[in-house]
Amino acid sequence: MRQPSDTARRVAAVSVGLVLAAGAAACGPKDNDAKGSGGDSTPHKGGTLTVLNSSPQENFDPARLYTSGGGNVPSLVFRTLTTRNREAGAAGAKVVPDLATDTGRPNKDATVWTYTLKKGLKYEDGTAITSADIKYGIERSFAPELSGGAPYLRDWLVGAADYQGPYKDKKGLSAIETPDERTIVFHLNKPEGEFPYLATQTQFTPVPKAKDTGTKYAEHPVSSGPYKVVENENNGEHIVLERNKYWSAATDAERKAYPDKVDVKSGLDSSVINQRLSASQGTDATAVTTDTNLGPAELAKVTGDKDLASRVGTGHFGYTNYIAFNPTVKPFNNIKVRQAISYAVDRSSVINAAGGSALAEAATTYLPNQKSFGYEPYDLFPAGKTGNAAKAKELLKEAGYPNGLTVTLTHSNAKDFETSPEIATAIQDALKKAGITVKLQGLEDNDYSDTIHNVKTEPGFFLAHWGADWPSGGPFLAPIFDGRQIVKDGANFNTGLLNDKSVNAEIDAINKLTDLDEAAKRWGALDKKIGEQALTVPLFHPVYKRLVGKDIRNVVISDWTGVLDISQVAVK
């Protein structure tokens, strides 16, 4: 089972505004080019790319970063065994080799994975990258002082549960073998067909032991990617990257590395970022953001301007906003009450509260509506666009509430357009039509998170959301519906407290599959099976709209990240 602290960090990473992860069915600018006011739209090498962000790129150490597919800015410096395919749309949801020659070779039951490194890999100082460096990079991610990365390795590697990292335990992890300088072998506790996805996380970045400076490594990590860190001020508030002359495109089919320099400036107000990108004056003409979306008001202004509209990229992250039920709390222990609420929901009003149809898409499935997740379209409790109050009343009568009932909906007071008062009020209004009186309980964000993720305090009826660590049904369904992941004395995310042996067994069976397309189909079928228990009411999947400067070229948005891939961008 995941460590509660690690799991808490996971959701924090997902919630951070999808800085590192997010998915896309569409690319905004035509032909993936954000075309300026004139000149050649073909991407060329050279120039400086400016990145305007609200959140600083803190803890710029591969051990401490929680990324998907290698992240965005981090992937310019850190290469991993595998990475995401840097293409637009569905093709971008595939995992591909990075430092390795392939995505990994499993044994028969997917408990042992072997990788071979490409020839000619070098660090920024010209020294060779070896398999021992990747082993060491993974091991240091277990050090308590370098916490923050994904928790899976502690769970998946044999004998890793209590490992404290190489500073305290110099023996290292016997579950990782390096028989020669180009081979690395991983021994797992159980079958994991999705190990190639995990190998995209920055913990798989090579770190030369002789250059490891512990907690200070973030100030100047040794680059294995196309850029090296030349400045890192105030823990990621200002990062400057310049070319790593020893990086070779011949070993890296994914990163284009067009600009000569990347200047990342953070700590900016989101409205200021969008204003600067809109005006595109001076260096802002060659600027992008990796963490700031357009809000409803800003989007309305942009839509009315043909030039600005042509500079908006659209993406869809693997993310679902939903109503959660705790079936141990009355009246939600009655499935007919849960079904009634499912029928009563007015998704049109919820979407309006989330910023409108340009920023949110109706959801009737828990899995996001993308092929890579195994999406199988279903609507078990068809409410239409505005809710089915008559069907809801019928079910309430069958449940023993012919005169309706009164319930409390817990939500966050944060203005996030997801679990905020606007969404809660839209649900309150819809359920009133079905004879359900909803009292709203708004909590400050930290209190809200602590309350809903604690089995002892989890309310019966509340707003929630979830995003995946990689584009698959596994990291989407397992943390929420696998009964063995219920955490009684820590951060719990199985909100429905579901512990169904058949569901648990199917999760195990799918995890054994190394054919990811086949696995996706099984995840989709499992989603529908779980949906029949009405433990959640899927509401909507968010849509991300981000502006780029007028002289930005080659905007690529994939179904893995849902946001502009900084490794593909050119500035002229």
Protein backbone atom coordinates (compact mmCIF):
# COMPACT_ATOMS: atom_id res chain seq x y z
CA MET A 1 0.00 0.00 0.00
CA ARG A 2 1.21 3.52 -0.68
CA GLN A 3 2.67 5.53 2.13
CA PRO A 4 0.08 8.12 3.18
CA SER A 5 2.58 10.98 2.99
CA ASP A 6 3.59 9.99 -0.52
CA THR A 7 -0.01 9.74 -1.61
CA ALA A 8 -0.74 13.17 -0.19
CA ARG A 9 2.14 14.56 -2.20
CA ARG A 10 0.70 12.88 -5.28
CA VAL A 11 -2.57 14.73 -5.11
CA ALA A 12 -0.76 17.97 -4.31
CA ALA A 13 1.23 17.48 -7.50
CA VAL A 14 -1.91 16.81 -9.50
CA SER A 15 -3.64 19.84 -8.05
CA VAL A 16 -0.80 22.24 -8.62
CA GLY A 17 -2.55 23.44 -11.67
CA LEU A 18 -1.38 20.62 -13.85
CA VAL A 19 1.99 22.25 -14.24
CA LEU A 20 3.65 18.99 -15.02
CA ALA A 21 0.83 16.89 -16.27
CA ALA A 22 -2.30 17.47 -18.16
CA GLY A 23 -3.91 15.63 -22.15
CA ALA A 24 -5.12 17.00 -25.47
CA ALA A 25 -7.53 16.16 -28.18
CA ALA A 26 -6.74 19.32 -30.03
CA CYS A 27 -3.93 21.74 -30.68
CA GLY A 28 -4.88 25.37 -30.72
CA PRO A 29 -2.82 27.08 -33.39
CA LYS A 30 -3.27 25.52 -36.80
CA ASP A 31 -0.69 22.97 -37.88
CA ASN A 32 0.88 23.16 -34.41
CA ASP A 33 2.39 26.56 -35.28
CA ALA A 34 1.57 29.72 -33.39
CA LYS A 35 2.10 32.13 -36.23
CA GLY A 36 3.14 35.68 -35.54
CA SER A 37 2.22 38.84 -37.33
CA GLY A 38 4.41 37.94 -40.28
CA GLY A 39 7.47 36.06 -41.46
CA ASP A 40 8.38 32.43 -41.71
CA SER A 41 6.27 30.06 -39.61
CA THR A 42 8.79 27.22 -39.93
CA PRO A 43 10.57 26.54 -36.62
CA HIS A 44 14.28 27.41 -36.57
CA LYS A 45 17.08 27.03 -34.04
CA GLY A 46 18.25 29.99 -31.98
CA GLY A 47 16.93 32.75 -29.76
CA THR A 48 15.71 32.86 -26.19
CA LEU A 49 12.47 31.27 -24.97
CA THR A 50 10.93 33.03 -21.97
CA VAL A 51 8.66 31.08 -19.62
CA LEU A 52 6.24 33.10 -17.47
CA ASN A 53 4.86 31.06 -14.57
CA SER A 54 2.92 31.62 -11.37
CA SER A 55 4.49 28.78 -9.38
CA PRO A 56 8.27 28.50 -8.99
CA GLN A 57 9.98 25.31 -10.19
CA GLU A 58 10.93 24.32 -6.66
CA ASN A 59 13.31 21.52 -5.67
CA PHE A 60 14.86 21.20 -9.13
CA ASP A 61 16.33 17.83 -8.23
CA PRO A 62 15.23 14.70 -10.14
CA ALA A 63 14.74 12.85 -6.85
CA ARG A 64 12.30 15.43 -5.52
CA LEU A 65 10.22 16.25 -8.58
CA TYR A 66 6.82 14.65 -9.12
CA THR A 67 6.35 14.60 -12.88
CA SER A 68 4.48 12.74 -15.57
CA GLY A 69 6.35 11.79 -18.70
CA GLY A 70 9.44 13.56 -17.36
CA GLY A 71 7.70 16.87 -16.78
CA ASN A 72 7.89 20.01 -18.86
CA VAL A 73 10.76 22.31 -17.86
CA PRO A 74 12.50 19.41 -16.03
CA SER A 75 12.58 17.31 -19.21
CA LEU A 76 14.85 19.90 -20.83
CA VAL A 77 17.56 19.01 -18.30
CA PHE A 78 16.73 15.48 -17.16
CA ARG A 79 16.47 12.48 -19.44
CA THR A 80 14.96 9.24 -18.18
CA LEU A 81 14.86 5.60 -19.32
CA THR A 82 11.60 6.24 -21.16
CA THR A 83 9.57 9.37 -21.88
CA ARG A 84 6.34 10.50 -23.48
CA ASN A 85 6.05 10.59 -27.25
CA ARG A 86 6.37 14.27 -28.17
CA GLU A 87 3.56 14.37 -30.71
CA ALA A 88 0.19 16.06 -30.84
CA GLY A 89 -3.04 14.32 -29.89
CA ALA A 90 -3.46 10.62 -29.18
CA ALA A 91 -0.02 9.71 -30.55
CA GLY A 92 1.46 11.73 -27.70
CA ALA A 93 -0.07 9.42 -25.09
CA LYS A 94 2.38 6.64 -25.92
CA VAL A 95 5.51 5.86 -23.93
CA VAL A 96 8.74 5.74 -25.98
CA PRO A 97 12.45 5.11 -25.30
CA ASP A 98 14.61 7.96 -24.04
CA LEU A 99 17.99 6.95 -22.59
CA ALA A 100 17.09 3.31 -23.23
CA THR A 101 17.02 1.52 -26.57
CA ASP A 102 13.41 0.40 -26.01
CA THR A 103 10.58 0.75 -23.50
CA GLY A 104 11.81 -2.25 -21.50
CA ARG A 105 11.90 -6.02 -21.81
CA PRO A 106 9.74 -7.84 -19.24
CA ASN A 107 10.03 -11.43 -18.14
CA LYS A 108 7.02 -13.70 -18.57
CA ASP A 109 5.01 -12.34 -15.60
CA ALA A 110 6.24 -8.71 -15.79
CA THR A 111 8.03 -8.88 -12.44
CA VAL A 112 11.48 -8.31 -13.97
CA TRP A 113 12.22 -5.46 -16.41
CA THR A 114 15.48 -5.08 -18.29
CA TYR A 115 16.77 -1.98 -20.09
CA THR A 116 19.80 -1.32 -22.27
CA LEU A 117 21.18 2.21 -22.57
CA LYS A 118 21.90 3.78 -25.94
CA LYS A 119 25.52 4.24 -26.94
CA GLY A 120 27.18 7.64 -26.76
CA LEU A 121 25.13 9.16 -23.89
CA LYS A 122 26.95 11.98 -22.10
CA TYR A 123 26.50 14.48 -19.27
CA GLU A 124 27.08 18.21 -19.62
CA ASP A 125 30.75 17.72 -18.66
CA GLY A 126 31.32 15.15 -21.40
CA THR A 127 31.53 12.11 -19.12
CA ALA A 128 29.61 8.97 -20.05
CA ILE A 129 26.20 8.15 -18.59
CA THR A 130 26.12 4.63 -17.13
CA SER A 131 23.51 2.25 -15.78
CA ALA A 132 25.08 2.64 -12.31
CA ASP A 133 24.24 6.36 -12.46
CA ILE A 134 20.55 5.55 -13.04
CA LYS A 135 20.60 3.05 -10.17
CA TYR A 136 22.17 5.67 -7.91
CA GLY A 137 19.71 8.35 -9.04
CA ILE A 138 16.81 6.09 -8.08
CA GLU A 139 18.39 5.14 -4.75
CA ARG A 140 18.94 8.73 -3.67
CA SER A 141 15.24 9.42 -4.27
CA PHE A 142 14.58 7.21 -1.21
CA ALA A 143 16.54 9.55 1.08
CA PRO A 144 14.13 11.30 3.50
CA GLU A 145 15.82 14.65 2.87
CA LEU A 146 15.08 14.30 -0.87
CA SER A 147 11.41 13.36 -0.60
CA GLY A 148 8.74 14.56 -3.00
CA GLY A 149 8.87 12.17 -5.95
CA ALA A 150 6.37 9.52 -6.99
CA PRO A 151 5.81 6.78 -4.37
CA TYR A 152 5.61 3.80 -6.72
CA LEU A 153 9.23 2.65 -6.50
CA ARG A 154 8.98 2.11 -2.76
CA ASP A 155 5.93 -0.06 -3.35
CA TRP A 156 7.04 -1.90 -6.48
CA LEU A 157 10.74 -2.72 -5.96
CA VAL A 158 11.62 -5.85 -3.99
CA GLY A 159 12.90 -4.95 -0.51
CA ALA A 160 12.46 -1.20 -0.99
CA ALA A 161 9.71 -0.49 1.56
CA ASP A 162 12.08 0.53 4.37
CA TYR A 163 15.08 1.66 2.34
CA GLN A 164 16.43 5.05 3.48
CA GLY A 165 18.65 5.98 0.55
CA PRO A 166 22.41 5.77 -0.11
CA TYR A 167 23.44 8.39 2.44
CA LYS A 168 22.32 6.09 5.28
CA ASP A 169 22.50 2.70 3.54
CA LYS A 170 25.46 2.50 1.20
CA LYS A 171 24.62 -1.07 0.16
CA GLY A 172 21.95 0.23 -2.14
CA LEU A 173 18.93 -1.63 -3.49
CA SER A 174 19.56 -5.23 -4.50
CA ALA A 175 16.31 -5.06 -6.53
CA ILE A 176 18.21 -2.96 -9.11
CA GLU A 177 21.06 -4.74 -10.86
CA THR A 178 23.63 -3.25 -13.24
CA PRO A 179 25.52 -6.20 -14.77
CA ASP A 180 27.40 -3.83 -17.08
CA GLU A 181 27.61 -0.11 -17.89
CA ARG A 182 24.69 -0.20 -20.32
CA THR A 183 22.31 -2.69 -18.67
CA ILE A 184 19.94 -2.15 -15.76
CA VAL A 185 17.49 -4.72 -14.36
CA PHE A 186 14.56 -4.10 -12.00
CA HIS A 187 13.01 -6.80 -9.77
CA LEU A 188 9.43 -6.07 -8.71
CA ASN A 189 7.22 -7.36 -5.90
CA LYS A 190 4.36 -8.08 -8.27
CA PRO A 191 3.54 -7.92 -11.97
CA GLU A 192 3.51 -4.37 -13.32
CA GLY A 193 2.80 -4.18 -17.03
CA GLU A 194 2.89 -0.38 -16.88
CA PHE A 195 6.48 -0.16 -15.62
CA PRO A 196 7.51 1.67 -18.86
CA TYR A 197 5.20 4.51 -17.81
CA LEU A 198 6.83 4.71 -14.39
CA ALA A 199 10.26 4.85 -16.02
CA THR A 200 9.31 8.30 -17.39
CA GLN A 201 9.40 9.81 -13.87
CA THR A 202 12.42 11.98 -13.09
CA GLN A 203 13.60 9.52 -10.42
CA PHE A 204 14.95 7.50 -13.37
CA THR A 205 17.34 10.34 -14.26
CA PRO A 206 21.05 9.40 -14.07
CA VAL A 207 22.96 11.14 -11.29
CA PRO A 208 26.79 10.81 -11.13
CA LYS A 209 27.60 9.86 -7.54
CA ALA A 210 30.79 11.96 -7.51
CA LYS A 211 28.78 15.10 -8.36
CA ASP A 212 25.95 14.52 -5.87
CA THR A 213 25.75 17.42 -3.42
CA GLY A 214 22.70 16.14 -1.52
CA THR A 215 20.09 18.79 -0.77
CA LYS A 216 22.13 21.37 -2.72
CA TYR A 217 22.06 19.31 -5.93
CA ALA A 218 18.98 21.27 -7.13
CA GLU A 219 21.14 24.39 -7.46
CA HIS A 220 23.17 22.78 -10.24
CA PRO A 221 22.01 19.29 -11.20
CA VAL A 222 24.19 17.59 -13.79
CA SER A 223 22.37 17.68 -17.11
CA SER A 224 21.69 14.64 -19.27
CA GLY A 225 19.32 16.62 -21.53
CA PRO A 226 19.70 19.32 -24.19
CA TYR A 227 20.02 22.15 -21.65
CA LYS A 228 22.03 22.74 -18.48
CA VAL A 229 21.22 24.93 -15.48
CA VAL A 230 23.32 28.10 -15.35
CA GLU A 231 21.18 29.98 -12.80
CA ASN A 232 18.70 28.88 -10.15
CA GLU A 233 17.62 31.74 -7.91
CA ASN A 234 15.35 31.54 -4.85
CA ASN A 235 14.62 27.83 -5.21
CA GLY A 236 13.28 27.88 -8.74
CA GLU A 237 11.80 31.35 -8.90
CA HIS A 238 14.23 32.22 -11.68
CA ILE A 239 15.94 29.47 -13.68
CA VAL A 240 18.14 30.04 -16.72
CA LEU A 241 19.03 27.18 -19.03
CA GLU A 242 21.64 27.14 -21.79
CA ARG A 243 22.63 24.48 -24.28
CA ASN A 244 24.42 21.35 -23.12
CA LYS A 245 27.01 20.97 -25.87
CA TYR A 246 27.43 17.25 -25.14
CA TRP A 247 23.76 16.45 -25.75
CA SER A 248 23.32 14.70 -29.07
CA ALA A 249 20.12 14.75 -31.11
CA ALA A 250 21.27 11.44 -32.55
CA THR A 251 20.49 9.82 -29.18
CA ASP A 252 17.32 11.83 -28.53
CA ALA A 253 14.45 11.57 -31.01
CA GLU A 254 12.00 13.40 -28.75
CA ARG A 255 13.38 16.83 -27.79
CA LYS A 256 13.74 19.41 -30.57
CA ALA A 257 15.79 21.88 -28.48
CA TYR A 258 15.26 24.82 -30.85
CA PRO A 259 16.05 27.82 -28.57
CA ASP A 260 19.62 28.59 -27.51
CA LYS A 261 18.45 29.70 -24.08
CA VAL A 262 15.42 29.18 -21.83
CA ASP A 263 14.63 31.83 -19.19
CA VAL A 264 12.04 30.70 -16.61
CA LYS A 265 10.52 33.49 -14.50
CA SER A 266 8.05 32.56 -11.76
CA GLY A 267 6.10 34.08 -8.91
CA LEU A 268 3.90 36.09 -11.27
CA ASP A 269 0.18 36.70 -10.88
CA SER A 270 -1.81 34.65 -13.39
CA SER A 271 -3.62 37.71 -14.74
CA VAL A 272 -0.28 39.45 -15.29
CA ILE A 273 1.04 36.43 -17.18
CA ASN A 274 -1.94 36.42 -19.53
CA GLN A 275 -1.76 40.18 -20.02
CA ARG A 276 1.91 39.98 -20.94
CA LEU A 277 1.39 37.09 -23.34
CA SER A 278 -1.53 38.91 -24.90
CA ALA A 279 0.44 42.13 -25.45
CA SER A 280 3.55 40.21 -26.58
CA GLN A 281 5.87 43.19 -26.16
CA GLY A 282 9.67 42.73 -26.23
CA THR A 283 10.79 39.38 -24.85
CA ASP A 284 7.14 38.48 -24.12
CA ALA A 285 6.65 37.95 -27.86
CA THR A 286 8.75 34.80 -27.49
CA ALA A 287 7.19 33.70 -24.20
CA VAL A 288 4.98 30.82 -23.07
CA THR A 289 3.58 29.60 -19.77
CA THR A 290 3.68 26.04 -18.45
CA ASP A 291 1.25 26.55 -15.56
CA THR A 292 -1.28 29.32 -16.24
CA ASN A 293 -4.62 28.85 -17.94
CA LEU A 294 -7.00 31.42 -19.34
CA GLY A 295 -9.99 32.01 -17.06
CA PRO A 296 -13.58 32.54 -18.23
CA ALA A 297 -13.33 36.35 -18.39
CA GLU A 298 -9.95 36.29 -20.14
CA LEU A 299 -11.14 33.68 -22.59
CA ALA A 300 -14.14 35.82 -23.53
CA LYS A 301 -11.81 38.68 -24.46
CA VAL A 302 -9.45 36.41 -26.38
CA THR A 303 -12.26 34.76 -28.35
CA GLY A 304 -13.28 38.09 -29.78
CA ASP A 305 -9.81 38.82 -31.14
CA LYS A 306 -8.78 36.80 -34.19
CA ASP A 307 -5.05 37.26 -33.57
CA LEU A 308 -5.23 36.26 -29.91
CA ALA A 309 -7.55 33.35 -30.66
CA SER A 310 -4.97 31.97 -33.09
CA ARG A 311 -2.46 31.90 -30.24
CA VAL A 312 -4.51 29.79 -27.84
CA GLY A 313 -3.59 26.14 -27.36
CA THR A 314 -6.32 23.74 -26.17
CA GLY A 315 -5.67 20.60 -24.14
CA HIS A 316 -7.42 17.97 -22.05
CA PHE A 317 -5.69 16.44 -19.04
CA GLY A 318 -6.67 12.97 -17.81
CA TYR A 319 -8.69 14.44 -14.97
CA THR A 320 -12.22 14.07 -13.62
CA ASN A 321 -14.24 16.31 -11.29
CA TYR A 322 -16.96 14.39 -9.49
CA ILE A 323 -19.32 14.02 -6.55
CA ALA A 324 -18.11 11.43 -4.04
CA PHE A 325 -20.29 9.41 -1.67
CA ASN A 326 -19.30 7.76 1.59
CA PRO A 327 -21.67 4.76 1.73
CA THR A 328 -21.09 4.29 5.47
CA VAL A 329 -22.93 7.55 6.13
CA LYS A 330 -26.75 7.64 5.96
CA PRO A 331 -28.64 8.10 3.68
CA PHE A 332 -25.82 7.39 1.20
CA ASN A 333 -25.63 3.78 2.37
CA ASN A 334 -28.74 3.32 0.21
CA ILE A 335 -27.74 2.88 -3.43
CA LYS A 336 -31.10 4.23 -4.59
CA VAL A 337 -30.32 7.57 -2.91
CA ARG A 338 -26.97 7.67 -4.70
CA GLN A 339 -28.69 6.79 -7.97
CA ALA A 340 -31.32 9.48 -7.41
CA ILE A 341 -28.65 12.13 -7.02
CA SER A 342 -26.94 10.79 -10.14
CA TYR A 343 -30.14 11.33 -12.12
CA ALA A 344 -30.88 14.73 -10.58
CA VAL A 345 -27.57 16.40 -11.46
CA ASP A 346 -27.77 19.21 -14.00
CA ARG A 347 -24.42 19.02 -15.81
CA SER A 348 -25.16 22.09 -17.92
CA SER A 349 -25.37 24.31 -14.85
CA VAL A 350 -22.26 22.64 -13.38
CA ILE A 351 -20.32 23.32 -16.58
CA ASN A 352 -21.46 26.94 -16.55
CA ALA A 353 -20.22 27.20 -12.97
CA ALA A 354 -16.88 25.75 -14.09
CA GLY A 355 -16.43 28.50 -16.66
CA GLY A 356 -18.50 27.31 -19.58
CA SER A 357 -18.25 24.66 -22.26
CA ALA A 358 -14.94 26.04 -23.53
CA LEU A 359 -13.33 25.14 -20.18
CA ALA A 360 -15.26 22.02 -19.16
CA GLU A 361 -16.77 18.98 -20.86
CA ALA A 362 -19.60 16.90 -19.38
CA ALA A 363 -18.56 13.54 -17.92
CA THR A 364 -20.71 10.46 -17.39
CA THR A 365 -17.75 8.06 -16.97
CA TYR A 366 -15.14 8.15 -14.26
CA LEU A 367 -12.31 7.53 -16.73
CA PRO A 368 -11.44 10.53 -18.93
CA ASN A 369 -12.74 10.32 -22.48
CA GLN A 370 -9.43 9.46 -24.13
CA LYS A 371 -8.41 6.20 -25.76
CA SER A 372 -5.24 5.76 -23.73
CA PHE A 373 -7.25 5.49 -20.51
CA GLY A 374 -9.46 2.78 -21.98
CA TYR A 375 -12.46 5.09 -22.15
CA GLU A 376 -15.69 3.19 -22.78
CA PRO A 377 -18.65 5.53 -23.25
CA TYR A 378 -21.52 4.81 -20.90
CA ASP A 379 -24.20 6.73 -19.04
CA LEU A 380 -25.70 4.49 -16.40
CA PHE A 381 -27.97 7.15 -14.92
CA PRO A 382 -28.94 9.35 -17.87
CA ALA A 383 -29.76 12.79 -16.55
CA GLY A 384 -29.67 14.56 -19.87
CA LYS A 385 -28.17 18.01 -19.96
CA THR A 386 -30.39 19.47 -17.25
CA GLY A 387 -31.10 16.57 -14.91
CA ASN A 388 -33.93 14.05 -14.62
CA ALA A 389 -35.85 15.17 -11.55
CA ALA A 390 -38.78 12.82 -12.17
CA LYS A 391 -36.58 9.71 -12.18
CA ALA A 392 -34.76 10.97 -9.10
CA LYS A 393 -38.05 11.40 -7.19
CA GLU A 394 -39.13 7.91 -8.22
CA LEU A 395 -35.92 6.42 -6.80
CA LEU A 396 -36.18 8.44 -3.60
CA LYS A 397 -39.67 7.05 -3.07
CA GLU A 398 -38.33 3.52 -3.54
CA ALA A 399 -35.57 4.34 -1.05
CA GLY A 400 -38.14 5.34 1.58
CA TYR A 401 -38.04 9.10 1.08
CA PRO A 402 -41.34 9.91 -0.68
CA ASN A 403 -41.25 13.47 0.66
CA GLY A 404 -37.63 14.08 -0.26
CA LEU A 405 -34.72 14.47 2.11
CA THR A 406 -32.13 16.92 3.38
CA VAL A 407 -28.37 16.33 2.95
CA THR A 408 -25.13 18.27 3.41
CA LEU A 409 -22.65 18.78 0.57
CA THR A 410 -19.07 19.52 1.60
CA HIS A 411 -16.93 21.59 -0.74
CA SER A 412 -13.84 23.78 -0.77
CA ASN A 413 -13.98 27.55 -0.47
CA ALA A 414 -11.08 27.86 -2.92
CA LYS A 415 -12.02 29.57 -6.17
CA ASP A 416 -10.78 26.70 -8.32
CA PHE A 417 -13.86 26.13 -10.55
CA GLU A 418 -13.68 22.46 -9.51
CA THR A 419 -14.69 21.84 -5.91
CA SER A 420 -15.63 25.46 -5.22
CA PRO A 421 -18.84 27.17 -4.04
CA GLU A 422 -20.00 27.83 -7.62
CA ILE A 423 -20.06 24.10 -8.42
CA ALA A 424 -21.71 23.26 -5.09
CA THR A 425 -24.44 25.83 -5.64
CA ALA A 426 -25.20 24.47 -9.12
CA ILE A 427 -25.68 21.01 -7.60
CA GLN A 428 -27.79 22.43 -4.79
CA ASP A 429 -30.15 24.10 -7.28
CA ALA A 430 -30.49 20.97 -9.44
CA LEU A 431 -31.21 18.63 -6.54
CA LYS A 432 -33.86 20.98 -5.17
CA LYS A 433 -35.98 20.18 -8.25
CA ALA A 434 -35.90 16.52 -7.23
CA GLY A 435 -37.02 17.23 -3.68
CA ILE A 436 -33.54 17.07 -2.18
CA THR A 437 -32.62 19.98 0.06
CA VAL A 438 -28.86 20.50 0.03
CA LYS A 439 -27.11 22.37 2.82
CA LEU A 440 -23.64 23.57 1.82
CA GLN A 441 -20.61 23.15 4.04
CA GLY A 442 -17.66 25.14 2.72
CA LEU A 443 -14.22 24.53 4.18
CA GLU A 444 -10.95 26.35 3.70
CA ASP A 445 -8.77 24.47 1.22
CA ASN A 446 -6.36 22.76 3.64
CA ASP A 447 -9.15 21.86 6.06
CA TYR A 448 -11.23 20.55 3.16
CA SER A 449 -8.40 18.31 1.92
CA ASP A 450 -7.65 16.97 5.39
CA THR A 451 -11.35 16.30 6.06
CA ILE A 452 -12.24 14.40 2.89
CA HIS A 453 -9.03 12.34 2.84
CA ASN A 454 -9.42 10.98 6.38
CA VAL A 455 -11.56 7.87 6.85
CA LYS A 456 -12.55 9.09 10.32
CA THR A 457 -13.81 12.50 9.13
CA GLU A 458 -14.86 11.82 5.53
CA PRO A 459 -18.33 13.29 4.97
CA GLY A 460 -21.12 11.42 3.23
CA PHE A 461 -21.47 13.75 0.25
CA PHE A 462 -18.69 15.97 -1.12
CA LEU A 463 -16.91 17.30 -4.20
CA ALA A 464 -13.67 15.69 -5.35
CA HIS A 465 -11.33 15.34 -8.31
CA TRP A 466 -8.58 13.04 -9.53
CA GLY A 467 -5.86 13.12 -12.15
CA ALA A 468 -3.62 10.33 -13.42
CA ASP A 469 0.17 10.07 -13.12
CA TRP A 470 0.28 8.75 -16.67
CA PRO A 471 -2.32 8.21 -19.41
CA SER A 472 -3.74 4.86 -18.35
CA GLY A 473 -6.70 3.59 -16.38
CA GLY A 474 -4.39 2.05 -13.77
CA PRO A 475 -3.29 5.13 -11.82
CA PHE A 476 -6.83 6.45 -12.24
CA LEU A 477 -8.92 3.56 -10.95
CA ALA A 478 -6.62 1.73 -8.53
CA PRO A 479 -6.03 4.51 -5.96
CA ILE A 480 -9.76 5.30 -5.83
CA PHE A 481 -11.36 1.85 -6.00
CA ASP A 482 -8.81 -0.78 -4.90
CA GLY A 483 -9.87 -1.88 -1.42
CA ARG A 484 -6.30 -2.68 -0.45
CA GLN A 485 -5.44 1.00 -0.85
CA ILE A 486 -7.85 2.15 1.83
CA VAL A 487 -5.70 4.00 4.38
CA LYS A 488 -7.29 4.08 7.83
CA ASP A 489 -4.64 6.15 9.60
CA GLY A 490 -3.51 8.56 6.93
CA ALA A 491 -4.43 10.16 3.62
CA ASN A 492 -7.10 7.96 2.02
CA PHE A 493 -8.35 8.40 -1.56
CA ASN A 494 -10.68 5.41 -1.87
CA THR A 495 -13.56 7.74 -1.02
CA GLY A 496 -16.25 5.12 -1.54
CA LEU A 497 -14.37 2.74 0.78
CA LEU A 498 -14.89 0.09 -1.89
CA ASN A 499 -13.28 -3.26 -1.12
CA ASP A 500 -14.76 -5.54 -3.76
CA LYS A 501 -12.75 -8.73 -4.23
CA SER A 502 -13.72 -9.00 -7.89
CA VAL A 503 -12.58 -5.41 -8.53
CA ASN A 504 -9.31 -5.99 -6.69
CA ALA A 505 -8.71 -9.19 -8.64
CA GLU A 506 -9.35 -7.49 -11.99
CA ILE A 507 -6.91 -4.71 -11.10
CA ASP A 508 -4.25 -7.36 -10.42
CA ALA A 509 -5.07 -9.18 -13.65
CA ILE A 510 -4.79 -6.01 -15.75
CA ASN A 511 -1.52 -5.04 -14.08
CA LYS A 512 0.00 -8.27 -15.43
CA LEU A 513 -0.65 -7.22 -19.03
CA THR A 514 2.26 -5.79 -20.98
CA ASP A 515 0.04 -5.21 -24.01
CA LEU A 516 -1.08 -1.70 -23.04
CA ASP A 517 -3.83 -1.56 -25.68
CA GLU A 518 -5.39 -4.71 -24.27
CA ALA A 519 -4.98 -3.34 -20.75
CA ALA A 520 -6.78 -0.15 -21.78
CA LYS A 521 -9.84 -2.13 -22.91
CA ARG A 522 -9.94 -3.93 -19.58
CA TRP A 523 -9.67 -0.66 -17.63
CA GLY A 524 -12.63 0.71 -19.59
CA ALA A 525 -14.77 -2.33 -18.81
CA LEU A 526 -13.79 -2.14 -15.13
CA ASP A 527 -14.76 1.53 -15.03
CA LYS A 528 -18.27 0.66 -16.13
CA LYS A 529 -18.54 -2.21 -13.65
CA ILE A 530 -17.54 0.07 -10.78
CA GLY A 531 -19.85 2.80 -12.07
CA GLU A 532 -22.85 0.53 -11.51
CA GLN A 533 -22.32 0.91 -7.75
CA ALA A 534 -22.95 4.68 -7.98
CA LEU A 535 -20.12 5.58 -5.64
CA THR A 536 -19.37 8.71 -7.63
CA VAL A 537 -21.19 11.08 -9.95
CA PRO A 538 -18.78 12.15 -12.70
CA LEU A 539 -19.42 15.82 -13.48
CA PHE A 540 -16.90 17.14 -15.98
CA HIS A 541 -13.42 16.93 -17.42
CA PRO A 542 -11.57 20.27 -17.49
CA VAL A 543 -10.30 21.85 -20.70
CA TYR A 544 -7.10 23.90 -20.65
CA LYS A 545 -6.66 27.05 -22.68
CA ARG A 546 -3.22 28.65 -22.72
CA LEU A 547 -1.93 31.66 -24.59
CA VAL A 548 1.51 31.90 -26.23
CA GLY A 549 3.53 34.88 -27.42
CA LYS A 550 3.08 36.06 -31.00
CA ASP A 551 6.49 34.82 -32.17
CA ILE A 552 6.21 31.31 -30.79
CA ARG A 553 6.40 28.45 -33.28
CA ASN A 554 5.64 24.72 -33.16
CA VAL A 555 3.01 24.42 -30.45
CA VAL A 556 2.55 20.71 -29.74
CA ILE A 557 -0.10 19.52 -27.26
CA SER A 558 -0.47 15.81 -26.59
CA ASP A 559 -2.98 13.53 -24.93
CA TRP A 560 -0.37 12.92 -22.21
CA THR A 561 0.20 16.44 -20.95
CA GLY A 562 -2.62 18.52 -22.37
CA VAL A 563 -0.37 21.57 -22.36
CA LEU A 564 2.25 22.99 -24.67
CA ASP A 565 5.34 20.75 -24.77
CA ILE A 566 8.22 23.09 -24.10
CA SER A 567 10.73 20.70 -25.67
CA GLN A 568 9.12 21.29 -29.09
CA VAL A 569 8.84 25.08 -29.05
CA ALA A 570 10.80 27.39 -31.35
CA VAL A 571 11.00 31.17 -31.10
CA LYS A 572 11.69 31.99 -34.76
